[in-house]
Amino acid sequence: MLDELYEQFIGMLQKQSDIHSCTWRFFAGQRFLYVDSPLPAGTLARMLLEAGLTVTATTKLKVECIYVRSVERTHVLRFRFQVPNEKQFCCGNLCEDCFLLRNR
């Protein structure tokens, strides 16, 4: 499922006129997005967050985008979709943080 979301995200970015190219690279188990764009890093990061939120609109996933560095027009960002850290169901073990005891 996550791979499909990453593919949708890249497809959405490739349609943007301000982004010339974007590719994923993996280092130490982390996913990094390399983007060739004339936009400033802050503007680009906001654009990536908006695109990520659009892709995850129907899910509970969260988007994380952290700027790493820029060299001329190539920007490197650590981008990922995160699964929520809270319980989403009751396992029946009477846990302290049970889903059923949460205030809604």
C-alpha atoms as a PDB file:
ATOM      1  CA  MET A   1       0.000   0.000   0.000  1.00  0.00           C
ATOM      2  CA  LEU A   2       2.742   2.474   0.882  1.00  0.00           C
ATOM      3  CA  ASP A   3       4.575   1.801  -2.381  1.00  0.00           C
ATOM      4  CA  GLU A   4       1.419   2.741  -4.287  1.00  0.00           C
ATOM      5  CA  LEU A   5       1.171   5.994  -2.336  1.00  0.00           C
ATOM      6  CA  TYR A   6       4.804   6.824  -3.090  1.00  0.00           C
ATOM      7  CA  GLU A   7       4.154   6.161  -6.797  1.00  0.00           C
ATOM      8  CA  GLN A   8       1.067   8.424  -6.737  1.00  0.00           C
ATOM      9  CA  PHE A   9       3.101  11.087  -4.958  1.00  0.00           C
ATOM     10  CA  ILE A  10       5.911  10.981  -7.563  1.00  0.00           C
ATOM     11  CA  GLY A  11       3.338  11.043 -10.371  1.00  0.00           C
ATOM     12  CA  MET A  12       1.748  14.123  -8.861  1.00  0.00           C
ATOM     13  CA  LEU A  13       5.134  15.852  -8.565  1.00  0.00           C
ATOM     14  CA  GLN A  14       6.115  15.056 -12.140  1.00  0.00           C
ATOM     15  CA  LYS A  15       3.019  16.940 -13.350  1.00  0.00           C
ATOM     16  CA  GLN A  16       4.208  20.139 -11.625  1.00  0.00           C
ATOM     17  CA  SER A  17       5.746  22.678 -13.998  1.00  0.00           C
ATOM     18  CA  ASP A  18       8.256  23.893 -11.362  1.00  0.00           C
ATOM     19  CA  ILE A  19       9.729  20.420 -10.839  1.00  0.00           C
ATOM     20  CA  HIS A  20      12.019  19.189 -13.616  1.00  0.00           C
ATOM     21  CA  SER A  21      12.770  15.753 -12.156  1.00  0.00           C
ATOM     22  CA  CYS A  22      12.430  13.805  -8.909  1.00  0.00           C
ATOM     23  CA  THR A  23      13.850  10.456  -7.841  1.00  0.00           C
ATOM     24  CA  TRP A  24      14.054   8.325  -4.720  1.00  0.00           C
ATOM     25  CA  ARG A  25      17.330   7.169  -3.218  1.00  0.00           C
ATOM     26  CA  PHE A  26      17.785   4.970  -0.167  1.00  0.00           C
ATOM     27  CA  PHE A  27      20.567   5.427   2.387  1.00  0.00           C
ATOM     28  CA  ALA A  28      20.774   3.571   5.714  1.00  0.00           C
ATOM     29  CA  GLY A  29      17.196   2.373   5.317  1.00  0.00           C
ATOM     30  CA  GLN A  30      15.844   5.906   4.866  1.00  0.00           C
ATOM     31  CA  ARG A  31      14.045   7.188   1.779  1.00  0.00           C
ATOM     32  CA  PHE A  32      15.389  10.461   0.342  1.00  0.00           C
ATOM     33  CA  LEU A  33      13.755  12.495  -2.388  1.00  0.00           C
ATOM     34  CA  TYR A  34      16.054  14.257  -4.857  1.00  0.00           C
ATOM     35  CA  VAL A  35      14.231  17.084  -6.623  1.00  0.00           C
ATOM     36  CA  ASP A  36      15.562  19.232  -9.460  1.00  0.00           C
ATOM     37  CA  SER A  37      13.691  22.536  -9.198  1.00  0.00           C
ATOM     38  CA  PRO A  38      14.438  26.274  -9.357  1.00  0.00           C
ATOM     39  CA  LEU A  39      12.159  26.866  -6.347  1.00  0.00           C
ATOM     40  CA  PRO A  40      13.656  27.795  -2.966  1.00  0.00           C
ATOM     41  CA  ALA A  41      13.874  24.901  -0.509  1.00  0.00           C
ATOM     42  CA  GLY A  42      11.144  26.252   1.802  1.00  0.00           C
ATOM     43  CA  THR A  43       8.651  26.720  -1.014  1.00  0.00           C
ATOM     44  CA  LEU A  44       9.468  23.281  -2.398  1.00  0.00           C
ATOM     45  CA  ALA A  45       9.020  21.635   1.025  1.00  0.00           C
ATOM     46  CA  ARG A  46       5.578  23.251   1.401  1.00  0.00           C
ATOM     47  CA  MET A  47       4.628  22.046  -2.092  1.00  0.00           C
ATOM     48  CA  LEU A  48       5.741  18.498  -1.211  1.00  0.00           C
ATOM     49  CA  LEU A  49       3.746  18.535   2.026  1.00  0.00           C
ATOM     50  CA  GLU A  50       0.618  19.686   0.196  1.00  0.00           C
ATOM     51  CA  ALA A  51       1.055  16.956  -2.423  1.00  0.00           C
ATOM     52  CA  GLY A  52       1.609  14.365   0.318  1.00  0.00           C
ATOM     53  CA  LEU A  53      -1.504  15.480   2.177  1.00  0.00           C
ATOM     54  CA  THR A  54      -3.508  15.224  -1.046  1.00  0.00           C
ATOM     55  CA  VAL A  55      -2.312  11.642  -1.602  1.00  0.00           C
ATOM     56  CA  THR A  56      -3.095  10.619   1.999  1.00  0.00           C
ATOM     57  CA  ALA A  57      -6.424  12.463   2.280  1.00  0.00           C
ATOM     58  CA  THR A  58      -8.473   9.262   2.573  1.00  0.00           C
ATOM     59  CA  THR A  59      -6.101   7.497   4.997  1.00  0.00           C
ATOM     60  CA  LYS A  60      -4.868   8.004   8.550  1.00  0.00           C
ATOM     61  CA  LEU A  61      -1.260   8.276   7.380  1.00  0.00           C
ATOM     62  CA  LYS A  62       0.767  11.330   8.296  1.00  0.00           C
ATOM     63  CA  VAL A  63       3.320  13.074   6.090  1.00  0.00           C
ATOM     64  CA  GLU A  64       6.860  13.953   7.170  1.00  0.00           C
ATOM     65  CA  CYS A  65       9.126  16.123   5.016  1.00  0.00           C
ATOM     66  CA  ILE A  66      12.540  17.178   6.348  1.00  0.00           C
ATOM     67  CA  TYR A  67      14.903  19.355   4.357  1.00  0.00           C
ATOM     68  CA  VAL A  68      18.446  17.921   4.189  1.00  0.00           C
ATOM     69  CA  ARG A  69      20.503  19.999   1.736  1.00  0.00           C
ATOM     70  CA  SER A  70      20.638  21.763  -1.622  1.00  0.00           C
ATOM     71  CA  VAL A  71      23.295  21.903  -4.330  1.00  0.00           C
ATOM     72  CA  GLU A  72      22.439  24.467  -7.000  1.00  0.00           C
ATOM     73  CA  ARG A  73      18.956  23.416  -8.201  1.00  0.00           C
ATOM     74  CA  THR A  74      18.954  19.919  -6.702  1.00  0.00           C
ATOM     75  CA  HIS A  75      17.259  19.682  -3.318  1.00  0.00           C
ATOM     76  CA  VAL A  76      17.424  16.646  -1.028  1.00  0.00           C
ATOM     77  CA  LEU A  77      14.602  15.977   1.412  1.00  0.00           C
ATOM     78  CA  ARG A  78      13.745  13.063   3.653  1.00  0.00           C
ATOM     79  CA  PHE A  79      10.117  12.375   2.845  1.00  0.00           C
ATOM     80  CA  ARG A  80       7.940   9.610   4.214  1.00  0.00           C
ATOM     81  CA  PHE A  81       4.407   8.587   4.984  1.00  0.00           C
ATOM     82  CA  GLN A  82       4.055   7.608   8.635  1.00  0.00           C
ATOM     83  CA  VAL A  83       1.577   5.203  10.174  1.00  0.00           C
ATOM     84  CA  PRO A  84      -0.012   6.724  13.319  1.00  0.00           C
ATOM     85  CA  ASN A  85       1.680   5.712  16.543  1.00  0.00           C
ATOM     86  CA  GLU A  86      -1.535   5.213  18.500  1.00  0.00           C
ATOM     87  CA  LYS A  87      -3.645   2.099  18.854  1.00  0.00           C
ATOM     88  CA  GLN A  88      -6.427   1.796  16.298  1.00  0.00           C
ATOM     89  CA  PHE A  89      -8.345  -1.149  17.818  1.00  0.00           C
ATOM     90  CA  CYS A  90      -9.047  -2.992  21.086  1.00  0.00           C
ATOM     91  CA  CYS A  91      -7.005  -6.176  21.535  1.00  0.00           C
ATOM     92  CA  GLY A  92      -9.057  -7.349  24.546  1.00  0.00           C
ATOM     93  CA  ASN A  93      -6.170  -7.261  27.072  1.00  0.00           C
ATOM     94  CA  LEU A  94      -7.532  -4.323  29.132  1.00  0.00           C
ATOM     95  CA  CYS A  95      -4.558  -2.093  28.235  1.00  0.00           C
ATOM     96  CA  GLU A  96      -4.078   1.325  29.868  1.00  0.00           C
ATOM     97  CA  ASP A  97      -4.204   3.052  26.486  1.00  0.00           C
ATOM     98  CA  CYS A  98      -7.177   1.062  25.175  1.00  0.00           C
ATOM     99  CA  PHE A  99      -8.861   2.395  22.060  1.00  0.00           C
ATOM    100  CA  LEU A 100     -12.250   2.093  23.788  1.00  0.00           C
ATOM    101  CA  LEU A 101     -11.219   4.349  26.714  1.00  0.00           C
ATOM    102  CA  ARG A 102     -10.085   7.231  24.479  1.00  0.00           C
ATOM    103  CA  ASN A 103     -12.043  10.498  24.596  1.00  0.00           C
ATOM    104  CA  ARG A 104     -13.441  11.225  21.160  1.00  0.00           C
END
